[in-house]
Amino acid sequence: MDYLVVLVTVPARIGVVSLVQALLVQRSIAGANVLPAVATWYRDAQGIHETQEALLVCRTHPTCLAALREGIRAVVGDDDFEISPLPVQAANSAYTAWIQQALDPAQPPAADGASHTP
């Protein structure tokens, strides 16, 4: 199976923890690392700008990408986020098995509701 690491930038002002929890509940991601404050520099027609964003490093499957995008859009809005999917290559088989299990809707959620790291 193919898997993705998806870099997601969202405005720092949003509730990133709530967003990640919602994406986990809907099973559009298996897990995420959260960098709550990153400086983003970019150029547009008005010049060079800096803004503060949060960076999520999410693990998922290509079939979940549309749901991931829609889950973020529901919280952030249409234009204020970026999603950059990157293919996972030569991954540890235990890692990919965890992703597959975590994204499987037939699997029950964690009994204690706590986050678990593979």
C-alpha atoms as a PDB file:
ATOM      1  CA  MET A   1       0.000   0.000   0.000  1.00  0.00           C
ATOM      2  CA  ASP A   2       1.049   3.565  -0.601  1.00  0.00           C
ATOM      3  CA  TYR A   3       1.139   6.004   2.269  1.00  0.00           C
ATOM      4  CA  LEU A   4       1.694   9.737   2.553  1.00  0.00           C
ATOM      5  CA  VAL A   5       3.296  12.184   4.916  1.00  0.00           C
ATOM      6  CA  VAL A   6       1.311  15.369   4.447  1.00  0.00           C
ATOM      7  CA  LEU A   7       2.709  18.753   5.437  1.00  0.00           C
ATOM      8  CA  VAL A   8      -0.162  21.040   6.408  1.00  0.00           C
ATOM      9  CA  THR A   9       0.150  24.713   7.267  1.00  0.00           C
ATOM     10  CA  VAL A  10      -2.736  26.502   8.956  1.00  0.00           C
ATOM     11  CA  PRO A  11      -3.067  29.861  10.686  1.00  0.00           C
ATOM     12  CA  ALA A  12      -1.522  29.818  14.163  1.00  0.00           C
ATOM     13  CA  ARG A  13      -4.693  31.392  15.545  1.00  0.00           C
ATOM     14  CA  ILE A  14      -6.841  28.282  15.078  1.00  0.00           C
ATOM     15  CA  GLY A  15      -7.204  25.527  17.666  1.00  0.00           C
ATOM     16  CA  VAL A  16      -4.655  23.108  16.209  1.00  0.00           C
ATOM     17  CA  VAL A  17      -5.188  20.432  18.862  1.00  0.00           C
ATOM     18  CA  SER A  18      -8.940  20.382  18.192  1.00  0.00           C
ATOM     19  CA  LEU A  19      -8.278  20.207  14.447  1.00  0.00           C
ATOM     20  CA  VAL A  20      -5.928  17.224  14.820  1.00  0.00           C
ATOM     21  CA  GLN A  21      -8.362  15.445  17.138  1.00  0.00           C
ATOM     22  CA  ALA A  22     -11.188  15.947  14.626  1.00  0.00           C
ATOM     23  CA  LEU A  23      -9.035  14.582  11.785  1.00  0.00           C
ATOM     24  CA  LEU A  24      -8.156  11.552  13.914  1.00  0.00           C
ATOM     25  CA  VAL A  25     -11.798  10.912  14.808  1.00  0.00           C
ATOM     26  CA  GLN A  26     -12.855  11.067  11.157  1.00  0.00           C
ATOM     27  CA  ARG A  27      -9.883   8.781  10.346  1.00  0.00           C
ATOM     28  CA  SER A  28      -8.529  11.018   7.610  1.00  0.00           C
ATOM     29  CA  ILE A  29      -5.140  10.819   9.363  1.00  0.00           C
ATOM     30  CA  ALA A  30      -3.442   8.096  11.388  1.00  0.00           C
ATOM     31  CA  GLY A  31      -1.418  10.596  13.403  1.00  0.00           C
ATOM     32  CA  ALA A  32       0.224  14.004  13.330  1.00  0.00           C
ATOM     33  CA  ASN A  33       3.159  15.908  14.720  1.00  0.00           C
ATOM     34  CA  VAL A  34       2.237  19.479  15.621  1.00  0.00           C
ATOM     35  CA  LEU A  35       4.643  22.387  15.431  1.00  0.00           C
ATOM     36  CA  PRO A  36       2.404  25.091  16.910  1.00  0.00           C
ATOM     37  CA  ALA A  37       4.414  28.118  15.806  1.00  0.00           C
ATOM     38  CA  VAL A  38       6.455  28.429  12.626  1.00  0.00           C
ATOM     39  CA  ALA A  39       7.437  31.592  10.803  1.00  0.00           C
ATOM     40  CA  THR A  40       6.362  31.481   7.174  1.00  0.00           C
ATOM     41  CA  TRP A  41       7.904  33.803   4.612  1.00  0.00           C
ATOM     42  CA  TYR A  42       6.384  34.209   1.163  1.00  0.00           C
ATOM     43  CA  ARG A  43       6.237  36.510  -1.835  1.00  0.00           C
ATOM     44  CA  ASP A  44       3.110  37.705  -3.628  1.00  0.00           C
ATOM     45  CA  ALA A  45       2.159  40.644  -5.880  1.00  0.00           C
ATOM     46  CA  GLN A  46       2.343  43.053  -2.916  1.00  0.00           C
ATOM     47  CA  GLY A  47       5.845  42.034  -1.823  1.00  0.00           C
ATOM     48  CA  ILE A  48       7.511  39.824   0.753  1.00  0.00           C
ATOM     49  CA  HIS A  49       5.601  38.894   3.891  1.00  0.00           C
ATOM     50  CA  GLU A  50       6.021  36.960   7.116  1.00  0.00           C
ATOM     51  CA  THR A  51       3.200  35.269   8.985  1.00  0.00           C
ATOM     52  CA  GLN A  52       2.881  32.885  11.916  1.00  0.00           C
ATOM     53  CA  GLU A  53       1.418  29.475  11.164  1.00  0.00           C
ATOM     54  CA  ALA A  54       1.166  26.025  12.684  1.00  0.00           C
ATOM     55  CA  LEU A  55       2.685  23.085  10.826  1.00  0.00           C
ATOM     56  CA  LEU A  56       1.128  19.631  10.982  1.00  0.00           C
ATOM     57  CA  VAL A  57       3.048  16.589   9.775  1.00  0.00           C
ATOM     58  CA  CYS A  58       0.286  14.042   9.129  1.00  0.00           C
ATOM     59  CA  ARG A  59       0.372  10.373   8.172  1.00  0.00           C
ATOM     60  CA  THR A  60      -2.363   9.084   5.874  1.00  0.00           C
ATOM     61  CA  HIS A  61      -3.245   7.146   2.734  1.00  0.00           C
ATOM     62  CA  PRO A  62      -3.965   8.698  -0.694  1.00  0.00           C
ATOM     63  CA  THR A  63      -7.613   7.598  -0.452  1.00  0.00           C
ATOM     64  CA  CYS A  64      -7.999   9.781   2.661  1.00  0.00           C
ATOM     65  CA  LEU A  65      -6.527  12.945   1.137  1.00  0.00           C
ATOM     66  CA  ALA A  66      -9.861  14.460   0.017  1.00  0.00           C
ATOM     67  CA  ALA A  67     -11.368  13.889   3.484  1.00  0.00           C
ATOM     68  CA  LEU A  68      -8.274  15.439   5.059  1.00  0.00           C
ATOM     69  CA  ARG A  69      -8.601  18.506   2.846  1.00  0.00           C
ATOM     70  CA  GLU A  70     -12.323  18.851   3.632  1.00  0.00           C
ATOM     71  CA  GLY A  71     -11.743  18.371   7.370  1.00  0.00           C
ATOM     72  CA  ILE A  72      -9.216  21.196   7.379  1.00  0.00           C
ATOM     73  CA  ARG A  73     -11.391  23.392   5.162  1.00  0.00           C
ATOM     74  CA  ALA A  74     -14.314  22.972   7.600  1.00  0.00           C
ATOM     75  CA  VAL A  75     -12.212  24.501  10.390  1.00  0.00           C
ATOM     76  CA  VAL A  76      -9.947  26.948   8.545  1.00  0.00           C
ATOM     77  CA  GLY A  77     -11.963  28.100   5.534  1.00  0.00           C
ATOM     78  CA  ASP A  78     -11.262  27.853   1.834  1.00  0.00           C
ATOM     79  CA  ASP A  79      -8.026  29.747   1.295  1.00  0.00           C
ATOM     80  CA  ASP A  80      -6.012  29.844   4.501  1.00  0.00           C
ATOM     81  CA  PHE A  81      -4.187  26.508   4.477  1.00  0.00           C
ATOM     82  CA  GLU A  82      -1.752  24.480   2.413  1.00  0.00           C
ATOM     83  CA  ILE A  83      -1.522  20.724   1.983  1.00  0.00           C
ATOM     84  CA  SER A  84       1.630  19.145   0.544  1.00  0.00           C
ATOM     85  CA  PRO A  85       1.420  15.338   0.291  1.00  0.00           C
ATOM     86  CA  LEU A  86       4.726  13.465   0.074  1.00  0.00           C
ATOM     87  CA  PRO A  87       5.010   9.737  -0.651  1.00  0.00           C
ATOM     88  CA  VAL A  88       6.409   7.463   2.040  1.00  0.00           C
ATOM     89  CA  GLN A  89       9.122   5.247   0.597  1.00  0.00           C
ATOM     90  CA  ALA A  90      10.980   2.312   2.179  1.00  0.00           C
ATOM     91  CA  ALA A  91       8.979   2.609   5.396  1.00  0.00           C
ATOM     92  CA  ASN A  92       9.242   0.266   8.330  1.00  0.00           C
ATOM     93  CA  SER A  93       6.530  -2.423   7.939  1.00  0.00           C
ATOM     94  CA  ALA A  94       5.331  -1.897  11.528  1.00  0.00           C
ATOM     95  CA  TYR A  95       4.886   1.807  10.721  1.00  0.00           C
ATOM     96  CA  THR A  96       2.782   1.148   7.629  1.00  0.00           C
ATOM     97  CA  ALA A  97       0.751  -1.516   9.462  1.00  0.00           C
ATOM     98  CA  TRP A  98      -0.023   1.075  12.156  1.00  0.00           C
ATOM     99  CA  ILE A  99      -1.166   3.606   9.532  1.00  0.00           C
ATOM    100  CA  GLN A 100      -3.387   1.018   7.867  1.00  0.00           C
ATOM    101  CA  GLN A 101      -4.950  -0.021  11.176  1.00  0.00           C
ATOM    102  CA  ALA A 102      -5.437   3.557  12.367  1.00  0.00           C
ATOM    103  CA  LEU A 103      -7.247   4.564   9.175  1.00  0.00           C
ATOM    104  CA  ASP A 104      -9.491   1.456   9.134  1.00  0.00           C
ATOM    105  CA  PRO A 105     -13.035   2.504  10.105  1.00  0.00           C
ATOM    106  CA  ALA A 106     -13.749  -1.054  11.267  1.00  0.00           C
ATOM    107  CA  GLN A 107     -11.188  -0.665  14.081  1.00  0.00           C
ATOM    108  CA  PRO A 108     -12.477   0.663  17.412  1.00  0.00           C
ATOM    109  CA  PRO A 109     -11.073   3.909  18.806  1.00  0.00           C
ATOM    110  CA  ALA A 110      -8.610   3.752  21.701  1.00  0.00           C
ATOM    111  CA  ALA A 111     -10.505   2.627  24.792  1.00  0.00           C
ATOM    112  CA  ASP A 112      -9.179   5.432  26.981  1.00  0.00           C
ATOM    113  CA  GLY A 113      -9.404   8.139  24.329  1.00  0.00           C
ATOM    114  CA  ALA A 114      -5.748   9.003  24.948  1.00  0.00           C
ATOM    115  CA  SER A 115      -3.283   9.453  22.166  1.00  0.00           C
ATOM    116  CA  HIS A 116      -0.987   6.536  21.470  1.00  0.00           C
ATOM    117  CA  THR A 117       2.272   6.576  19.578  1.00  0.00           C
ATOM    118  CA  PRO A 118       3.170   3.536  17.503  1.00  0.00           C
END
